[in-house]
PDB file of N, CA and C in Angstrom:
ATOM      1  N   MET A   1      83.539  95.928 101.399  1.00  0.00           N
ATOM      2  CA  MET A   1      82.551  96.943 101.726  1.00  0.00           C
ATOM      3  C   MET A   1      82.305  96.964 103.254  1.00  0.00           C
ATOM      4  N   THR A   2      82.311  95.818 103.841  1.00  0.00           N
ATOM      5  CA  THR A   2      82.083  95.733 105.280  1.00  0.00           C
ATOM      6  C   THR A   2      83.177  96.426 106.049  1.00  0.00           C
ATOM      7  N   VAL A   3      84.418  96.226 105.596  1.00  0.00           N
ATOM      8  CA  VAL A   3      85.553  96.876 106.286  1.00  0.00           C
ATOM      9  C   VAL A   3      85.462  98.382 106.177  1.00  0.00           C
ATOM     10  N   VAL A   4      85.126  98.870 104.994  1.00  0.00           N
ATOM     11  CA  VAL A   4      85.058 100.310 104.776  1.00  0.00           C
ATOM     12  C   VAL A   4      83.944 100.946 105.600  1.00  0.00           C
ATOM     13  N   THR A   5      82.805 100.315 105.685  1.00  0.00           N
ATOM     14  CA  THR A   5      81.721 100.906 106.458  1.00  0.00           C
ATOM     15  C   THR A   5      81.779 100.550 107.938  1.00  0.00           C
ATOM     16  N   GLY A   6      82.273  99.374 108.269  1.00  0.00           N
ATOM     17  CA  GLY A   6      82.305  98.960 109.665  1.00  0.00           C
ATOM     18  C   GLY A   6      83.548  99.371 110.455  1.00  0.00           C
ATOM     19  N   GLY A   7      84.660  99.532 109.755  1.00  0.00           N
ATOM     20  CA  GLY A   7      85.932  99.842 110.439  1.00  0.00           C
ATOM     21  C   GLY A   7      85.865 101.141 111.224  1.00  0.00           C
ATOM     22  N   PRO A   8      85.419 102.245 110.603  1.00  0.00           N
ATOM     23  CA  PRO A   8      85.332 103.494 111.379  1.00  0.00           C
ATOM     24  C   PRO A   8      84.355 103.407 112.550  1.00  0.00           C
ATOM     25  N   ARG A   9      83.270 102.650 112.393  1.00  0.00           N
ATOM     26  CA  ARG A   9      82.316 102.514 113.511  1.00  0.00           C
ATOM     27  C   ARG A   9      82.933 101.759 114.645  1.00  0.00           C
ATOM     28  N   LEU A  10      83.756 100.751 114.360  1.00  0.00           N
ATOM     29  CA  LEU A  10      84.435 100.007 115.401  1.00  0.00           C
ATOM     30  C   LEU A  10      85.425 100.915 116.155  1.00  0.00           C
ATOM     31  N   GLY A  11      86.127 101.754 115.395  1.00  0.00           N
ATOM     32  CA  GLY A  11      87.027 102.734 116.015  1.00  0.00           C
ATOM     33  C   GLY A  11      86.263 103.738 116.887  1.00  0.00           C
ATOM     34  N   ASP A  12      85.117 104.157 116.402  1.00  0.00           N
ATOM     35  CA  ASP A  12      84.268 105.086 117.190  1.00  0.00           C
ATOM     36  C   ASP A  12      83.820 104.410 118.495  1.00  0.00           C
ATOM     37  N   LEU A  13      83.482 103.156 118.424  1.00  0.00           N
ATOM     38  CA  LEU A  13      83.035 102.418 119.610  1.00  0.00           C
ATOM     39  C   LEU A  13      84.185 102.327 120.615  1.00  0.00           C
ATOM     40  N   GLU A  14      85.375 101.965 120.134  1.00  0.00           N
ATOM     41  CA  GLU A  14      86.547 101.871 121.019  1.00  0.00           C
ATOM     42  C   GLU A  14      86.846 103.212 121.647  1.00  0.00           C
ATOM     43  N   ALA A  15      86.853 104.260 120.830  1.00  0.00           N
ATOM     44  CA  ALA A  15      87.210 105.609 121.334  1.00  0.00           C
ATOM     45  C   ALA A  15      86.194 106.071 122.372  1.00  0.00           C
ATOM     46  N   GLY A  16      84.921 105.896 122.104  1.00  0.00           N
ATOM     47  CA  GLY A  16      83.908 106.325 123.039  1.00  0.00           C
ATOM     48  C   GLY A  16      83.927 105.560 124.346  1.00  0.00           C
ATOM     49  N   ALA A  17      84.110 104.217 124.237  1.00  0.00           N
ATOM     50  CA  ALA A  17      84.131 103.392 125.447  1.00  0.00           C
ATOM     51  C   ALA A  17      85.318 103.717 126.326  1.00  0.00           C
ATOM     52  N   VAL A  18      86.470 103.870 125.704  1.00  0.00           N
ATOM     53  CA  VAL A  18      87.682 104.176 126.500  1.00  0.00           C
ATOM     54  C   VAL A  18      87.572 105.592 127.067  1.00  0.00           C
ATOM     55  N   ALA A  19      87.085 106.540 126.299  1.00  0.00           N
ATOM     56  CA  ALA A  19      86.945 107.908 126.809  1.00  0.00           C
ATOM     57  C   ALA A  19      85.930 108.005 127.941  1.00  0.00           C
ATOM     58  N   ALA A  20      84.907 107.154 127.891  1.00  0.00           N
ATOM     59  CA  ALA A  20      83.904 107.173 128.972  1.00  0.00           C
ATOM     60  C   ALA A  20      84.477 106.618 130.258  1.00  0.00           C
ATOM     61  N   VAL A  21      85.355 105.630 130.152  1.00  0.00           N
ATOM     62  CA  VAL A  21      85.922 104.991 131.346  1.00  0.00           C
ATOM     63  C   VAL A  21      87.147 105.785 131.846  1.00  0.00           C
ATOM     64  N   PHE A  22      87.981 106.265 130.914  1.00  0.00           N
ATOM     65  CA  PHE A  22      89.188 106.963 131.298  1.00  0.00           C
ATOM     66  C   PHE A  22      89.056 108.427 130.866  1.00  0.00           C
ATOM     67  N   THR A  23      89.943 108.882 130.014  1.00  0.00           N
ATOM     68  CA  THR A  23      89.914 110.262 129.517  1.00  0.00           C
ATOM     69  C   THR A  23      90.055 110.250 128.010  1.00  0.00           C
ATOM     70  N   PRO A  24      89.691 111.336 127.345  1.00  0.00           N
ATOM     71  CA  PRO A  24      89.884 111.387 125.870  1.00  0.00           C
ATOM     72  C   PRO A  24      91.347 111.176 125.463  1.00  0.00           C
ATOM     73  N   ARG A  25      92.278 111.656 126.248  1.00  0.00           N
ATOM     74  CA  ARG A  25      93.682 111.476 125.926  1.00  0.00           C
ATOM     75  C   ARG A  25      94.062 110.006 125.933  1.00  0.00           C
ATOM     76  N   VAL A  26      93.627 109.267 126.949  1.00  0.00           N
ATOM     77  CA  VAL A  26      93.883 107.837 126.996  1.00  0.00           C
ATOM     78  C   VAL A  26      93.223 107.149 125.803  1.00  0.00           C
ATOM     79  N   SER A  27      92.050 107.611 125.419  1.00  0.00           N
ATOM     80  CA  SER A  27      91.350 107.043 124.254  1.00  0.00           C
ATOM     81  C   SER A  27      92.154 107.207 122.986  1.00  0.00           C
ATOM     82  N   VAL A  28      92.699 108.377 122.773  1.00  0.00           N
ATOM     83  CA  VAL A  28      93.501 108.652 121.559  1.00  0.00           C
ATOM     84  C   VAL A  28      94.756 107.776 121.556  1.00  0.00           C
ATOM     85  N   VAL A  29      95.436 107.708 122.680  1.00  0.00           N
ATOM     86  CA  VAL A  29      96.666 106.921 122.756  1.00  0.00           C
ATOM     87  C   VAL A  29      96.370 105.430 122.573  1.00  0.00           C
ATOM     88  N   SER A  30      95.349 104.929 123.217  1.00  0.00           N
ATOM     89  CA  SER A  30      95.045 103.498 123.094  1.00  0.00           C
ATOM     90  C   SER A  30      94.584 103.152 121.671  1.00  0.00           C
ATOM     91  N   GLY A  31      93.876 104.068 121.019  1.00  0.00           N
ATOM     92  CA  GLY A  31      93.469 103.824 119.633  1.00  0.00           C
ATOM     93  C   GLY A  31      94.674 103.790 118.715  1.00  0.00           C
ATOM     94  N   GLY A  32      95.626 104.679 118.923  1.00  0.00           N
ATOM     95  CA  GLY A  32      96.851 104.680 118.108  1.00  0.00           C
ATOM     96  C   GLY A  32      97.657 103.401 118.326  1.00  0.00           C
ATOM     97  N   LEU A  33      97.766 102.983 119.576  1.00  0.00           N
ATOM     98  CA  LEU A  33      98.490 101.749 119.884  1.00  0.00           C
ATOM     99  C   LEU A  33      97.790 100.530 119.272  1.00  0.00           C
ATOM    100  N   ALA A  34      96.452 100.531 119.281  1.00  0.00           N
ATOM    101  CA  ALA A  34      95.695  99.427 118.666  1.00  0.00           C
ATOM    102  C   ALA A  34      95.945  99.383 117.163  1.00  0.00           C
ATOM    103  N   CYS A  35      96.040 100.545 116.533  1.00  0.00           N
ATOM    104  CA  CYS A  35      96.339 100.595 115.084  1.00  0.00           C
ATOM    105  C   CYS A  35      97.723 100.039 114.809  1.00  0.00           C
ATOM    106  N   LEU A  36      98.706 100.441 115.600  1.00  0.00           N
ATOM    107  CA  LEU A  36     100.078  99.930 115.418  1.00  0.00           C
ATOM    108  C   LEU A  36     100.128  98.430 115.650  1.00  0.00           C
ATOM    109  N   ALA A  37      99.415  97.945 116.629  1.00  0.00           N
ATOM    110  CA  ALA A  37      99.375  96.501 116.905  1.00  0.00           C
ATOM    111  C   ALA A  37      98.720  95.757 115.744  1.00  0.00           C
ATOM    112  N   GLY A  38      97.690  96.339 115.163  1.00  0.00           N
ATOM    113  CA  GLY A  38      97.041  95.723 114.004  1.00  0.00           C
ATOM    114  C   GLY A  38      97.947  95.658 112.795  1.00  0.00           C
ATOM    115  N   ILE A  39      98.713  96.719 112.571  1.00  0.00           N
ATOM    116  CA  ILE A  39      99.673  96.737 111.459  1.00  0.00           C
ATOM    117  C   ILE A  39     100.763  95.670 111.686  1.00  0.00           C
ATOM    118  N   GLY A  40     101.239  95.587 112.927  1.00  0.00           N
ATOM    119  CA  GLY A  40     102.253  94.590 113.227  1.00  0.00           C
ATOM    120  C   GLY A  40     101.725  93.164 113.039  1.00  0.00           C
ATOM    121  N   LEU A  41     100.499  92.939 113.457  1.00  0.00           N
ATOM    122  CA  LEU A  41      99.881  91.630 113.275  1.00  0.00           C
ATOM    123  C   LEU A  41      99.717  91.313 111.801  1.00  0.00           C
ATOM    124  N   LEU A  42      99.276  92.288 111.021  1.00  0.00           N
ATOM    125  CA  LEU A  42      99.126  92.090 109.591  1.00  0.00           C
ATOM    126  C   LEU A  42     100.460  91.792 108.942  1.00  0.00           C
ATOM    127  N   ALA A  43     101.508  92.488 109.352  1.00  0.00           N
ATOM    128  CA  ALA A  43     102.851  92.263 108.778  1.00  0.00           C
ATOM    129  C   ALA A  43     103.344  90.849 109.112  1.00  0.00           C
ATOM    130  N   VAL A  44     103.031  90.335 110.254  1.00  0.00           N
ATOM    131  CA  VAL A  44     103.438  88.979 110.654  1.00  0.00           C
ATOM    132  C   VAL A  44     102.617  87.938 109.876  1.00  0.00           C
ATOM    133  N   MET A  45     101.336  88.197 109.711  1.00  0.00           N
ATOM    134  CA  MET A  45     100.451  87.225 109.045  1.00  0.00           C
ATOM    135  C   MET A  45     100.592  87.225 107.534  1.00  0.00           C
ATOM    136  N   VAL A  46     100.910  88.377 106.942  1.00  0.00           N
ATOM    137  CA  VAL A  46     101.026  88.501 105.473  1.00  0.00           C
ATOM    138  C   VAL A  46     102.328  89.210 105.169  1.00  0.00           C
ATOM    139  N   PRO A  47     103.444  88.488 105.162  1.00  0.00           N
ATOM    140  CA  PRO A  47     104.748  89.104 104.926  1.00  0.00           C
ATOM    141  C   PRO A  47     104.892  89.813 103.595  1.00  0.00           C
ATOM    142  N   ALA A  48     104.071  89.483 102.599  1.00  0.00           N
ATOM    143  CA  ALA A  48     104.146  90.144 101.308  1.00  0.00           C
ATOM    144  C   ALA A  48     103.871  91.639 101.402  1.00  0.00           C
ATOM    145  N   PHE A  49     103.094  92.057 102.401  1.00  0.00           N
ATOM    146  CA  PHE A  49     102.836  93.487 102.602  1.00  0.00           C
ATOM    147  C   PHE A  49     104.119  94.221 102.982  1.00  0.00           C
ATOM    148  N   VAL A  50     104.990  93.586 103.714  1.00  0.00           N
ATOM    149  CA  VAL A  50     106.230  94.209 104.133  1.00  0.00           C
ATOM    150  C   VAL A  50     107.182  94.343 102.938  1.00  0.00           C
ATOM    151  N   ARG A  51     107.171  93.337 102.059  1.00  0.00           N
ATOM    152  CA  ARG A  51     108.070  93.335 100.904  1.00  0.00           C
ATOM    153  C   ARG A  51     107.547  94.135  99.704  1.00  0.00           C
ATOM    154  N   TYR A  52     106.331  94.640  99.764  1.00  0.00           N
ATOM    155  CA  TYR A  52     105.716  95.314  98.630  1.00  0.00           C
ATOM    156  C   TYR A  52     106.509  96.547  98.229  1.00  0.00           C
ATOM    157  N   ASP A  53     106.756  96.721  96.950  1.00  0.00           N
ATOM    158  CA  ASP A  53     107.471  97.878  96.427  1.00  0.00           C
ATOM    159  C   ASP A  53     106.631  98.455  95.265  1.00  0.00           C
ATOM    160  N   ALA A  54     106.100  99.627  95.432  1.00  0.00           N
ATOM    161  CA  ALA A  54     105.218 100.244  94.451  1.00  0.00           C
ATOM    162  C   ALA A  54     105.955 100.508  93.151  1.00  0.00           C
ATOM    163  N   ARG A  55     107.254 100.747  93.232  1.00  0.00           N
ATOM    164  CA  ARG A  55     108.022 100.998  91.989  1.00  0.00           C
ATOM    165  C   ARG A  55     108.057  99.797  91.093  1.00  0.00           C
ATOM    166  N   VAL A  56     108.186  98.612  91.696  1.00  0.00           N
ATOM    167  CA  VAL A  56     108.194  97.365  90.928  1.00  0.00           C
ATOM    168  C   VAL A  56     106.792  97.072  90.410  1.00  0.00           C
ATOM    169  N   ALA A  57     105.800  97.279  91.241  1.00  0.00           N
ATOM    170  CA  ALA A  57     104.417  97.018  90.842  1.00  0.00           C
ATOM    171  C   ALA A  57     103.982  97.890  89.693  1.00  0.00           C
ATOM    172  N   ALA A  58     104.488  99.118  89.621  1.00  0.00           N
ATOM    173  CA  ALA A  58     104.111 100.049  88.532  1.00  0.00           C
ATOM    174  C   ALA A  58     104.656  99.576  87.183  1.00  0.00           C
ATOM    175  N   THR A  59     105.697  98.789  87.152  1.00  0.00           N
ATOM    176  CA  THR A  59     106.268  98.345  85.890  1.00  0.00           C
ATOM    177  C   THR A  59     105.662  97.046  85.409  1.00  0.00           C
ATOM    178  N   ARG A  60     104.874  96.394  86.233  1.00  0.00           N
ATOM    179  CA  ARG A  60     104.241  95.138  85.837  1.00  0.00           C
ATOM    180  C   ARG A  60     102.872  95.420  85.196  1.00  0.00           C
ATOM    181  N   PRO A  61     102.439  94.570  84.254  1.00  0.00           N
ATOM    182  CA  PRO A  61     101.121  94.777  83.660  1.00  0.00           C
ATOM    183  C   PRO A  61     100.045  94.468  84.709  1.00  0.00           C
ATOM    184  N   ALA A  62      98.897  95.120  84.604  1.00  0.00           N
ATOM    185  CA  ALA A  62      97.808  94.882  85.506  1.00  0.00           C
ATOM    186  C   ALA A  62      97.221  93.491  85.264  1.00  0.00           C
ATOM    187  N   VAL A  63      96.463  92.977  86.215  1.00  0.00           N
ATOM    188  CA  VAL A  63      95.831  91.677  86.068  1.00  0.00           C
ATOM    189  C   VAL A  63      94.903  91.703  84.890  1.00  0.00           C
ATOM    190  N   GLY A  64      95.054  90.762  83.997  1.00  0.00           N
ATOM    191  CA  GLY A  64      94.210  90.695  82.804  1.00  0.00           C
ATOM    192  C   GLY A  64      94.709  91.540  81.638  1.00  0.00           C
ATOM    193  N   GLU A  65      95.742  92.370  81.874  1.00  0.00           N
ATOM    194  CA  GLU A  65      96.289  93.224  80.816  1.00  0.00           C
ATOM    195  C   GLU A  65      97.339  92.418  80.028  1.00  0.00           C
ATOM    196  N   VAL A  66      97.325  92.595  78.734  1.00  0.00           N
ATOM    197  CA  VAL A  66      98.279  91.892  77.880  1.00  0.00           C
ATOM    198  C   VAL A  66      99.552  92.740  77.775  1.00  0.00           C
ATOM    199  N   SER A  67     100.692  92.121  78.083  1.00  0.00           N
ATOM    200  CA  SER A  67     101.946  92.882  78.004  1.00  0.00           C
ATOM    201  C   SER A  67     102.408  92.913  76.550  1.00  0.00           C
ATOM    202  N   PRO A  68     103.100  93.979  76.162  1.00  0.00           N
ATOM    203  CA  PRO A  68     103.514  94.153  74.744  1.00  0.00           C
ATOM    204  C   PRO A  68     104.565  93.134  74.334  1.00  0.00           C
TER     205      PRO A  68
END
């Protein structure tokens, strides 16, 4: 819940601060680069996200579900 409510506010803070110091264009570019860096960091820290395949996950029973 904290990520869902706090994440956009953190992005707003970054965008506003960078736009105030530089320009809105620099703010948009730096925000995009920060997102890409975060995805790269997540991929390095949790390699299972990189290997995830939704097609395989769809054929597996859900957690707590009894398979036939």
